[in-house]
C-alpha atoms as a PDB file:
ATOM      1  CA  ILE A   1      -8.235  -3.572  23.286  1.00  0.00           C
ATOM      2  CA  GLY A   2     -10.345  -6.360  25.275  1.00  0.00           C
ATOM      3  CA  PHE A   3     -13.558  -4.494  25.355  1.00  0.00           C
ATOM      4  CA  ASP A   4     -16.802  -6.577  24.294  1.00  0.00           C
ATOM      5  CA  ASP A   5     -19.270  -4.560  21.994  1.00  0.00           C
ATOM      6  CA  ASN A   6     -21.628  -4.368  25.064  1.00  0.00           C
ATOM      7  CA  GLN A   7     -19.105  -2.858  26.903  1.00  0.00           C
ATOM      8  CA  VAL A   8     -18.877   0.316  24.401  1.00  0.00           C
ATOM      9  CA  ILE A   9     -20.870   3.503  24.232  1.00  0.00           C
ATOM     10  CA  TRP A  10     -20.644   5.256  21.035  1.00  0.00           C
ATOM     11  CA  LEU A  11     -21.808   9.026  21.886  1.00  0.00           C
ATOM     12  CA  TYR A  12     -23.945   9.346  18.649  1.00  0.00           C
ATOM     13  CA  ASN A  13     -25.672   6.135  19.300  1.00  0.00           C
ATOM     14  CA  HIS A  14     -25.957   6.567  22.665  1.00  0.00           C
ATOM     15  CA  PHE A  15     -29.706   8.226  22.433  1.00  0.00           C
ATOM     16  CA  THR A  16     -31.096   5.461  19.892  1.00  0.00           C
ATOM     17  CA  ASP A  17     -31.810   1.760  20.588  1.00  0.00           C
ATOM     18  CA  ILE A  18     -29.328   0.555  17.828  1.00  0.00           C
ATOM     19  CA  LYS A  19     -26.373  -1.369  19.827  1.00  0.00           C
ATOM     20  CA  ILE A  20     -22.439  -1.467  18.854  1.00  0.00           C
ATOM     21  CA  ALA A  21     -22.115  -4.431  16.462  1.00  0.00           C
ATOM     22  CA  PRO A  22     -20.372  -5.368  13.309  1.00  0.00           C
ATOM     23  CA  THR A  23     -22.409  -4.996   9.954  1.00  0.00           C
ATOM     24  CA  SER A  24     -24.634  -7.782   8.773  1.00  0.00           C
ATOM     25  CA  VAL A  25     -26.190  -5.865   5.870  1.00  0.00           C
ATOM     26  CA  THR A  26     -25.734  -7.224   2.794  1.00  0.00           C
ATOM     27  CA  VAL A  27     -26.005  -5.382  -0.711  1.00  0.00           C
ATOM     28  CA  ASP A  28     -29.389  -6.573  -1.485  1.00  0.00           C
ATOM     29  CA  ASP A  29     -30.641  -5.381   2.020  1.00  0.00           C
ATOM     30  CA  VAL A  30     -28.759  -1.654   0.743  1.00  0.00           C
ATOM     31  CA  LEU A  31     -30.239  -1.522  -2.585  1.00  0.00           C
ATOM     32  CA  ALA A  32     -33.972  -2.054  -0.797  1.00  0.00           C
ATOM     33  CA  TYR A  33     -33.277   1.487   0.157  1.00  0.00           C
ATOM     34  CA  PHE A  34     -32.422   2.905  -3.235  1.00  0.00           C
ATOM     35  CA  GLY A  35     -35.493   1.818  -5.564  1.00  0.00           C
ATOM     36  CA  GLY A  36     -34.838   1.398  -9.343  1.00  0.00           C
ATOM     37  CA  GLU A  37     -34.290  -1.549 -12.347  1.00  0.00           C
ATOM     38  CA  GLU A  38     -30.438  -2.331 -11.620  1.00  0.00           C
ATOM     39  CA  SER A  39     -28.342  -2.662 -14.936  1.00  0.00           C
ATOM     40  CA  HIS A  40     -25.296  -4.005 -14.037  1.00  0.00           C
ATOM     41  CA  ARG A  41     -22.325  -4.089 -11.196  1.00  0.00           C
ATOM     42  CA  GLU A  42     -18.898  -3.329 -11.401  1.00  0.00           C
ATOM     43  CA  LYS A  43     -16.409  -4.399  -8.671  1.00  0.00           C
ATOM     44  CA  ASN A  44     -12.709  -3.424  -7.872  1.00  0.00           C
ATOM     45  CA  GLY A  45     -11.522  -5.365  -4.497  1.00  0.00           C
ATOM     46  CA  LYS A  46     -13.787  -3.808  -1.415  1.00  0.00           C
ATOM     47  CA  VAL A  47     -15.784  -1.063  -3.433  1.00  0.00           C
ATOM     48  CA  LEU A  48     -18.995  -2.290  -5.439  1.00  0.00           C
ATOM     49  CA  ARG A  49     -20.693  -0.091  -7.833  1.00  0.00           C
ATOM     50  CA  VAL A  50     -24.040  -0.868  -8.764  1.00  0.00           C
ATOM     51  CA  PHE A  51     -25.950   1.192 -11.993  1.00  0.00           C
ATOM     52  CA  PHE A  52     -29.626   1.550 -12.836  1.00  0.00           C
ATOM     53  CA  PHE A  53     -31.107   1.486 -16.340  1.00  0.00           C
ATOM     54  CA  ASP A  54     -34.096   4.009 -15.241  1.00  0.00           C
ATOM     55  CA  GLN A  55     -31.955   7.355 -14.231  1.00  0.00           C
ATOM     56  CA  ASP A  56     -28.784   8.405 -14.057  1.00  0.00           C
ATOM     57  CA  LYS A  57     -27.842   7.213 -10.926  1.00  0.00           C
ATOM     58  CA  PHE A  58     -25.573   4.592  -9.123  1.00  0.00           C
ATOM     59  CA  VAL A  59     -24.800   3.096  -5.615  1.00  0.00           C
ATOM     60  CA  THR A  60     -21.475   2.511  -4.489  1.00  0.00           C
ATOM     61  CA  CYS A  61     -20.989  -0.131  -1.620  1.00  0.00           C
ATOM     62  CA  TYR A  62     -18.084  -0.349   0.962  1.00  0.00           C
ATOM     63  CA  LEU A  63     -17.756  -3.741   1.917  1.00  0.00           C
ATOM     64  CA  VAL A  64     -15.923  -5.253   4.849  1.00  0.00           C
ATOM     65  CA  ASP A  65     -14.277  -7.807   2.787  1.00  0.00           C
ATOM     66  CA  GLU A  66     -13.603  -8.306  -0.993  1.00  0.00           C
ATOM     67  CA  ASN A  67     -14.703 -11.914  -0.586  1.00  0.00           C
ATOM     68  CA  LYS A  68     -18.227 -11.085   1.559  1.00  0.00           C
ATOM     69  CA  ASP A  69     -21.398  -9.806   0.949  1.00  0.00           C
ATOM     70  CA  LEU A  70     -21.299  -7.281   3.658  1.00  0.00           C
ATOM     71  CA  VAL A  71     -21.500  -3.211   3.742  1.00  0.00           C
ATOM     72  CA  GLN A  72     -19.995  -1.275   5.858  1.00  0.00           C
ATOM     73  CA  HIS A  73     -21.466   2.183   4.344  1.00  0.00           C
ATOM     74  CA  ALA A  74     -22.911   2.744   0.966  1.00  0.00           C
ATOM     75  CA  GLU A  75     -22.752   6.223  -1.341  1.00  0.00           C
ATOM     76  CA  TYR A  76     -25.777   7.056  -3.638  1.00  0.00           C
ATOM     77  CA  VAL A  77     -25.002   9.211  -6.368  1.00  0.00           C
ATOM     78  CA  PHE A  78     -27.903  10.938  -8.716  1.00  0.00           C
ATOM     79  CA  LYS A  79     -27.008  12.802 -11.727  1.00  0.00           C
ATOM     80  CA  GLY A  80     -23.085  12.888 -10.787  1.00  0.00           C
ATOM     81  CA  ASN A  81     -24.126  14.509  -7.419  1.00  0.00           C
ATOM     82  CA  LEU A  82     -23.599  12.931  -3.991  1.00  0.00           C
ATOM     83  CA  ILE A  83     -26.790  13.162  -2.377  1.00  0.00           C
ATOM     84  CA  ARG A  84     -26.513  10.744   0.472  1.00  0.00           C
ATOM     85  CA  LYS A  85     -24.517   8.083   2.393  1.00  0.00           C
ATOM     86  CA  ASP A  86     -25.871   5.580   4.625  1.00  0.00           C
ATOM     87  CA  TYR A  87     -23.750   3.340   7.871  1.00  0.00           C
ATOM     88  CA  PHE A  88     -24.530   0.146   8.520  1.00  0.00           C
ATOM     89  CA  SER A  89     -24.405  -2.295  11.616  1.00  0.00           C
ATOM     90  CA  TYR A  90     -26.858  -4.843  11.909  1.00  0.00           C
ATOM     91  CA  THR A  91     -29.254  -2.250  10.251  1.00  0.00           C
ATOM     92  CA  ARG A  92     -28.820   0.995   9.195  1.00  0.00           C
ATOM     93  CA  TYR A  93     -27.710   3.522  11.858  1.00  0.00           C
ATOM     94  CA  CYS A  94     -27.218   6.732  10.477  1.00  0.00           C
ATOM     95  CA  SER A  95     -27.562   8.552   7.045  1.00  0.00           C
ATOM     96  CA  GLU A  96     -25.494  11.751   5.537  1.00  0.00           C
ATOM     97  CA  TYR A  97     -27.317  14.054   3.393  1.00  0.00           C
ATOM     98  CA  PHE A  98     -25.149  16.199   0.953  1.00  0.00           C
ATOM     99  CA  ALA A  99     -25.973  19.014  -1.697  1.00  0.00           C
ATOM    100  CA  PRO A 100     -23.523  20.410  -4.373  1.00  0.00           C
ATOM    101  CA  LYS A 101     -22.054  23.731  -4.009  1.00  0.00           C
ATOM    102  CA  ASP A 102     -19.131  24.787  -6.050  1.00  0.00           C
ATOM    103  CA  ASN A 103     -19.107  21.421  -7.498  1.00  0.00           C
ATOM    104  CA  VAL A 104     -18.550  19.791  -4.463  1.00  0.00           C
ATOM    105  CA  ALA A 105     -20.579  17.747  -2.373  1.00  0.00           C
ATOM    106  CA  VAL A 106     -21.510  19.506   1.120  1.00  0.00           C
ATOM    107  CA  LEU A 107     -22.605  17.639   3.782  1.00  0.00           C
ATOM    108  CA  TYR A 108     -25.519  19.267   5.155  1.00  0.00           C
ATOM    109  CA  GLN A 109     -27.622  17.050   7.788  1.00  0.00           C
ATOM    110  CA  ARG A 110     -26.856  13.438   9.522  1.00  0.00           C
ATOM    111  CA  THR A 111     -29.733  11.767  10.651  1.00  0.00           C
ATOM    112  CA  PHE A 112     -29.830   8.582  13.338  1.00  0.00           C
ATOM    113  CA  TYR A 113     -31.987   5.870  13.720  1.00  0.00           C
ATOM    114  CA  ASN A 114     -33.696   3.567  15.896  1.00  0.00           C
ATOM    115  CA  GLU A 115     -33.790  -0.163  15.031  1.00  0.00           C
ATOM    116  CA  ASP A 116     -37.132  -0.002  13.468  1.00  0.00           C
ATOM    117  CA  GLY A 117     -35.948   2.651  11.310  1.00  0.00           C
ATOM    118  CA  THR A 118     -37.365   5.635  12.825  1.00  0.00           C
ATOM    119  CA  PRO A 119     -35.296   8.805  12.993  1.00  0.00           C
ATOM    120  CA  VAL A 120     -34.291   9.570  16.504  1.00  0.00           C
ATOM    121  CA  TYR A 121     -32.293  13.162  16.036  1.00  0.00           C
ATOM    122  CA  ASP A 122     -30.687  15.036  13.378  1.00  0.00           C
ATOM    123  CA  ILE A 123     -27.762  17.273  13.359  1.00  0.00           C
ATOM    124  CA  LEU A 124     -27.762  20.241  11.114  1.00  0.00           C
ATOM    125  CA  MET A 125     -24.297  21.012   9.842  1.00  0.00           C
ATOM    126  CA  ASN A 126     -24.474  24.617   9.540  1.00  0.00           C
ATOM    127  CA  GLN A 127     -21.063  25.125   7.331  1.00  0.00           C
ATOM    128  CA  GLY A 128     -18.683  26.528  10.223  1.00  0.00           C
ATOM    129  CA  LYS A 129     -21.154  27.583  12.600  1.00  0.00           C
ATOM    130  CA  GLU A 130     -22.131  25.525  15.815  1.00  0.00           C
ATOM    131  CA  GLU A 131     -23.981  22.174  14.658  1.00  0.00           C
ATOM    132  CA  VAL A 132     -27.659  21.991  16.098  1.00  0.00           C
ATOM    133  CA  TYR A 133     -28.929  18.921  17.115  1.00  0.00           C
ATOM    134  CA  HIS A 134     -32.664  18.529  16.822  1.00  0.00           C
ATOM    135  CA  PHE A 135     -34.563  15.543  18.683  1.00  0.00           C
ATOM    136  CA  LYS A 136     -38.472  15.360  18.778  1.00  0.00           C
ATOM    137  CA  ASP A 137     -38.768  17.119  22.418  1.00  0.00           C
ATOM    138  CA  LYS A 138     -35.483  19.353  22.376  1.00  0.00           C
ATOM    139  CA  ILE A 139     -32.939  20.977  20.259  1.00  0.00           C
ATOM    140  CA  PHE A 140     -28.940  21.336  21.543  1.00  0.00           C
ATOM    141  CA  TYR A 141     -26.921  24.130  20.227  1.00  0.00           C
ATOM    142  CA  GLY A 142     -23.789  22.824  19.447  1.00  0.00           C
ATOM    143  CA  LYS A 143     -21.912  19.906  20.594  1.00  0.00           C
ATOM    144  CA  GLN A 144     -21.027  20.979  23.757  1.00  0.00           C
ATOM    145  CA  ALA A 145     -24.474  21.046  24.810  1.00  0.00           C
ATOM    146  CA  PHE A 146     -24.637  17.889  23.243  1.00  0.00           C
ATOM    147  CA  VAL A 147     -21.975  16.125  25.019  1.00  0.00           C
ATOM    148  CA  ARG A 148     -22.975  17.579  28.582  1.00  0.00           C
ATOM    149  CA  ALA A 149     -26.430  15.755  28.033  1.00  0.00           C
ATOM    150  CA  PHE A 150     -24.761  12.579  26.987  1.00  0.00           C
ATOM    151  CA  MET A 151     -22.523  12.885  30.271  1.00  0.00           C
ATOM    152  CA  LYS A 152     -25.492  13.814  32.276  1.00  0.00           C
ATOM    153  CA  SER A 153     -27.363  10.472  31.268  1.00  0.00           C
ATOM    154  CA  LEU A 154     -24.595   8.381  32.412  1.00  0.00           C
ATOM    155  CA  ASN A 155     -25.598   9.325  35.945  1.00  0.00           C
ATOM    156  CA  LEU A 156     -21.782   9.307  37.280  1.00  0.00           C
ATOM    157  CA  ASN A 157     -20.476   8.704  40.905  1.00  0.00           C
ATOM    158  CA  LYS A 158     -17.402   8.094  42.281  1.00  0.00           C
ATOM    159  CA  SER A 159     -17.099   4.607  41.572  1.00  0.00           C
ATOM    160  CA  ASP A 160     -16.844   5.777  38.311  1.00  0.00           C
ATOM    161  CA  LEU A 161     -13.855   6.925  36.164  1.00  0.00           C
ATOM    162  CA  VAL A 162     -13.901   9.427  33.470  1.00  0.00           C
ATOM    163  CA  ILE A 163     -10.713   9.264  31.155  1.00  0.00           C
ATOM    164  CA  LEU A 164     -10.160  12.333  29.066  1.00  0.00           C
ATOM    165  CA  ASP A 165      -7.711  11.881  25.793  1.00  0.00           C
ATOM    166  CA  ARG A 166      -7.811  15.065  24.123  1.00  0.00           C
ATOM    167  CA  GLU A 167     -10.392  17.929  25.055  1.00  0.00           C
ATOM    168  CA  THR A 168     -10.923  19.650  21.829  1.00  0.00           C
ATOM    169  CA  GLY A 169     -14.109  21.409  21.925  1.00  0.00           C
ATOM    170  CA  ILE A 170     -15.304  19.329  24.942  1.00  0.00           C
ATOM    171  CA  GLY A 171     -12.852  19.963  27.773  1.00  0.00           C
ATOM    172  CA  GLN A 172     -14.649  22.397  29.618  1.00  0.00           C
ATOM    173  CA  VAL A 173     -17.820  19.938  29.602  1.00  0.00           C
ATOM    174  CA  VAL A 174     -16.259  17.121  30.589  1.00  0.00           C
ATOM    175  CA  PHE A 175     -14.397  18.654  33.596  1.00  0.00           C
ATOM    176  CA  GLU A 176     -17.707  19.852  34.867  1.00  0.00           C
ATOM    177  CA  GLU A 177     -19.758  16.853  34.324  1.00  0.00           C
ATOM    178  CA  ALA A 178     -16.774  14.623  35.790  1.00  0.00           C
ATOM    179  CA  GLN A 179     -16.851  15.950  38.958  1.00  0.00           C
ATOM    180  CA  THR A 180     -19.808  13.668  40.439  1.00  0.00           C
ATOM    181  CA  ALA A 181     -16.553  10.845  39.443  1.00  0.00           C
ATOM    182  CA  HIS A 182     -13.105  10.624  39.109  1.00  0.00           C
ATOM    183  CA  LEU A 183     -11.350  11.991  36.585  1.00  0.00           C
ATOM    184  CA  ALA A 184      -8.169  11.265  34.705  1.00  0.00           C
ATOM    185  CA  VAL A 185      -6.524  13.047  31.889  1.00  0.00           C
ATOM    186  CA  VAL A 186      -4.111  11.349  29.431  1.00  0.00           C
ATOM    187  CA  VAL A 187      -0.852  13.157  28.024  1.00  0.00           C
ATOM    188  CA  HIS A 188       0.686  12.305  25.004  1.00  0.00           C
ATOM    189  CA  ALA A 189       4.227  13.409  24.085  1.00  0.00           C
ATOM    190  CA  GLU A 190       5.496  16.733  23.398  1.00  0.00           C
ATOM    191  CA  HIS A 191       3.208  18.454  25.921  1.00  0.00           C
ATOM    192  CA  TYR A 192       4.709  21.970  26.425  1.00  0.00           C
ATOM    193  CA  SER A 193       6.879  23.833  23.962  1.00  0.00           C
ATOM    194  CA  GLU A 194      10.675  23.976  24.803  1.00  0.00           C
ATOM    195  CA  ASN A 195      11.470  26.859  22.566  1.00  0.00           C
ATOM    196  CA  ALA A 196       8.869  29.153  24.084  1.00  0.00           C
ATOM    197  CA  THR A 197       9.516  28.019  27.793  1.00  0.00           C
ATOM    198  CA  ASN A 198      11.819  29.781  30.144  1.00  0.00           C
ATOM    199  CA  GLU A 199      12.608  30.486  33.801  1.00  0.00           C
ATOM    200  CA  ASP A 200       9.488  32.256  34.453  1.00  0.00           C
ATOM    201  CA  TYR A 201       7.197  30.769  31.440  1.00  0.00           C
ATOM    202  CA  ILE A 202       6.225  27.719  30.225  1.00  0.00           C
ATOM    203  CA  LEU A 203       3.971  27.129  27.172  1.00  0.00           C
ATOM    204  CA  TRP A 204       1.503  24.160  27.270  1.00  0.00           C
ATOM    205  CA  ASN A 205       0.871  22.124  24.186  1.00  0.00           C
ATOM    206  CA  ASN A 206      -2.674  23.639  23.183  1.00  0.00           C
ATOM    207  CA  TYR A 207      -4.094  20.212  23.608  1.00  0.00           C
ATOM    208  CA  TYR A 208      -3.189  20.392  27.372  1.00  0.00           C
ATOM    209  CA  ASP A 209      -3.467  24.121  28.419  1.00  0.00           C
ATOM    210  CA  TYR A 210      -6.827  23.485  29.756  1.00  0.00           C
ATOM    211  CA  GLN A 211      -6.075  20.438  31.707  1.00  0.00           C
ATOM    212  CA  PHE A 212      -3.050  22.005  33.173  1.00  0.00           C
ATOM    213  CA  THR A 213      -4.839  25.080  34.188  1.00  0.00           C
ATOM    214  CA  ASN A 214      -7.488  23.399  35.924  1.00  0.00           C
ATOM    215  CA  ALA A 215      -5.204  20.385  37.373  1.00  0.00           C
ATOM    216  CA  ASP A 216      -6.921  20.796  40.428  1.00  0.00           C
ATOM    217  CA  LYS A 217      -9.606  19.427  39.392  1.00  0.00           C
ATOM    218  CA  VAL A 218      -7.939  16.324  37.785  1.00  0.00           C
ATOM    219  CA  ASP A 219      -7.561  12.899  40.072  1.00  0.00           C
ATOM    220  CA  PHE A 220      -4.662  11.558  38.232  1.00  0.00           C
ATOM    221  CA  PHE A 221      -2.498  12.444  34.770  1.00  0.00           C
ATOM    222  CA  ILE A 222      -1.741   9.513  32.786  1.00  0.00           C
ATOM    223  CA  VAL A 223       1.984   9.823  30.961  1.00  0.00           C
ATOM    224  CA  SER A 224       3.421   6.786  29.224  1.00  0.00           C
ATOM    225  CA  THR A 225       7.065   7.209  30.199  1.00  0.00           C
ATOM    226  CA  ASP A 226       8.922   7.514  33.762  1.00  0.00           C
ATOM    227  CA  ARG A 227      10.870  10.561  32.445  1.00  0.00           C
ATOM    228  CA  GLN A 228       7.780  12.348  31.274  1.00  0.00           C
ATOM    229  CA  ASN A 229       6.246  11.945  35.002  1.00  0.00           C
ATOM    230  CA  GLU A 230       9.238  13.409  36.488  1.00  0.00           C
ATOM    231  CA  VAL A 231       9.512  16.362  33.891  1.00  0.00           C
ATOM    232  CA  LEU A 232       5.898  16.999  34.130  1.00  0.00           C
ATOM    233  CA  GLN A 233       6.118  17.016  38.079  1.00  0.00           C
ATOM    234  CA  GLU A 234       9.026  19.466  38.210  1.00  0.00           C
ATOM    235  CA  GLN A 235       7.226  21.860  35.704  1.00  0.00           C
ATOM    236  CA  PHE A 236       3.829  21.515  37.784  1.00  0.00           C
ATOM    237  CA  ALA A 237       6.380  22.491  41.030  1.00  0.00           C
ATOM    238  CA  LYS A 238       7.917  25.173  39.250  1.00  0.00           C
ATOM    239  CA  TYR A 239       5.257  27.010  37.438  1.00  0.00           C
ATOM    240  CA  THR A 240       1.952  26.388  39.165  1.00  0.00           C
ATOM    241  CA  GLN A 241       0.416  26.225  41.912  1.00  0.00           C
ATOM    242  CA  HIS A 242      -0.762  22.493  41.548  1.00  0.00           C
ATOM    243  CA  GLN A 243       0.888  19.331  42.301  1.00  0.00           C
ATOM    244  CA  PRO A 244      -1.460  16.627  40.647  1.00  0.00           C
ATOM    245  CA  LYS A 245      -1.142  12.931  41.067  1.00  0.00           C
ATOM    246  CA  ILE A 246       0.856  11.777  37.964  1.00  0.00           C
ATOM    247  CA  VAL A 247       1.166   7.902  36.986  1.00  0.00           C
ATOM    248  CA  THR A 248       3.224   6.125  34.114  1.00  0.00           C
ATOM    249  CA  ILE A 249       1.049   3.549  32.265  1.00  0.00           C
ATOM    250  CA  PRO A 250       3.160   2.470  28.898  1.00  0.00           C
ATOM    251  CA  VAL A 251       1.072   2.919  25.842  1.00  0.00           C
ATOM    252  CA  GLY A 252       1.940  -0.815  24.887  1.00  0.00           C
ATOM    253  CA  SER A 253       4.515  -3.437  26.092  1.00  0.00           C
ATOM    254  CA  ILE A 254       5.075  -7.224  25.807  1.00  0.00           C
ATOM    255  CA  ASP A 255       6.494  -9.515  28.904  1.00  0.00           C
ATOM    256  CA  SER A 256       8.488 -11.927  26.950  1.00  0.00           C
ATOM    257  CA  LEU A 257       9.953 -12.041  23.346  1.00  0.00           C
ATOM    258  CA  THR A 258       8.393 -15.387  21.356  1.00  0.00           C
ATOM    259  CA  ASP A 259      11.007 -16.774  19.143  1.00  0.00           C
ATOM    260  CA  SER A 260      10.341 -17.341  15.379  1.00  0.00           C
ATOM    261  CA  SER A 261      10.389 -20.641  13.769  1.00  0.00           C
ATOM    262  CA  GLN A 262      12.034 -19.283  10.938  1.00  0.00           C
ATOM    263  CA  GLY A 263      14.624 -17.053  12.567  1.00  0.00           C
ATOM    264  CA  ARG A 264      14.489 -13.333  12.854  1.00  0.00           C
ATOM    265  CA  LYS A 265      15.679 -10.984  10.214  1.00  0.00           C
ATOM    266  CA  PRO A 266      18.675  -9.121  11.798  1.00  0.00           C
ATOM    267  CA  PHE A 267      19.020  -5.447  12.293  1.00  0.00           C
ATOM    268  CA  SER A 268      15.527  -4.889  11.309  1.00  0.00           C
ATOM    269  CA  LEU A 269      12.593  -2.740  13.096  1.00  0.00           C
ATOM    270  CA  ILE A 270       9.040  -2.128  13.128  1.00  0.00           C
ATOM    271  CA  THR A 271       7.007   0.536  14.739  1.00  0.00           C
ATOM    272  CA  ALA A 272       3.358   1.359  14.155  1.00  0.00           C
ATOM    273  CA  SER A 273       3.632   5.016  15.384  1.00  0.00           C
ATOM    274  CA  ARG A 274       2.714   7.834  12.969  1.00  0.00           C
ATOM    275  CA  LEU A 275       5.830   9.189  11.020  1.00  0.00           C
ATOM    276  CA  ALA A 276       5.601  12.367  13.077  1.00  0.00           C
ATOM    277  CA  LYS A 277       8.059  14.593  14.669  1.00  0.00           C
ATOM    278  CA  GLU A 278       7.076  14.524  17.993  1.00  0.00           C
ATOM    279  CA  LYS A 279       7.064  10.979  17.946  1.00  0.00           C
ATOM    280  CA  HIS A 280      10.553  10.580  17.836  1.00  0.00           C
ATOM    281  CA  ILE A 281      11.092   7.827  15.541  1.00  0.00           C
ATOM    282  CA  ASP A 282      14.594   8.900  15.420  1.00  0.00           C
ATOM    283  CA  TRP A 283      15.143   8.235  19.200  1.00  0.00           C
ATOM    284  CA  LEU A 284      13.538   4.921  18.857  1.00  0.00           C
ATOM    285  CA  VAL A 285      16.057   3.913  16.349  1.00  0.00           C
ATOM    286  CA  LYS A 286      18.940   5.156  18.290  1.00  0.00           C
ATOM    287  CA  ALA A 287      17.674   3.312  21.277  1.00  0.00           C
ATOM    288  CA  VAL A 288      17.381   0.074  19.500  1.00  0.00           C
ATOM    289  CA  ILE A 289      20.793   0.261  17.805  1.00  0.00           C
ATOM    290  CA  GLU A 290      22.366   0.697  21.412  1.00  0.00           C
ATOM    291  CA  ALA A 291      20.433  -2.113  22.635  1.00  0.00           C
END
């Protein structure tokens, strides 16, 4: 989408010194993390499985491309049980640890590393409860506390713009910490329930209820079409005390069509959208037919 790797901040790598980069780790590099005498290999497309003589174990490497020796992540299996996954860029940046429970591999810990391989922090999964983020000098209980520490470390000011897309589990923290900057909220399709809305009450989509309720803390909302912009403005005026700024920014568009040297297939259509009800692909098809 036009960003260079050095312009991207990933929440989980932010607390380490590892940079965003494509993988350059080879199969031999991966095997160095897992000792043993190799017996044979089996390959199926981008999946390479390496077996060993000395014990009942194997390593599965998931390659970037079936014609390249570069590994995105690897799984380590011992006596039929998945015990660890490693993830790579130009070095190993994360490990996941598993334990068998009811014949299923259950994730119980993630570890993130520095470039030199030293662990920076662990995430203890706690099975259905809040995750614990354990650093050498501090502990964060729950993802919200972790995200808050991340947001604070950015030292935001009024020259910064925070764009929130889906607030699930982090909305309140982002709203609170983004007040030192400017805050925008992305609104996708189906932002309210039409069937549960009447003259006196509107049921917002649960993904947007918090943002709409606290619209006075938002500098502007972003929608995809002018029609949704109009509808949302009317709904804010009718059902709330808020009159927020709403801007229309299409998800994607092209300035002009490029002619094909082979000619175009008539009466054809392609969409990259998920085939979900709220995407209204039927409307898209009808619109193309009308056009």
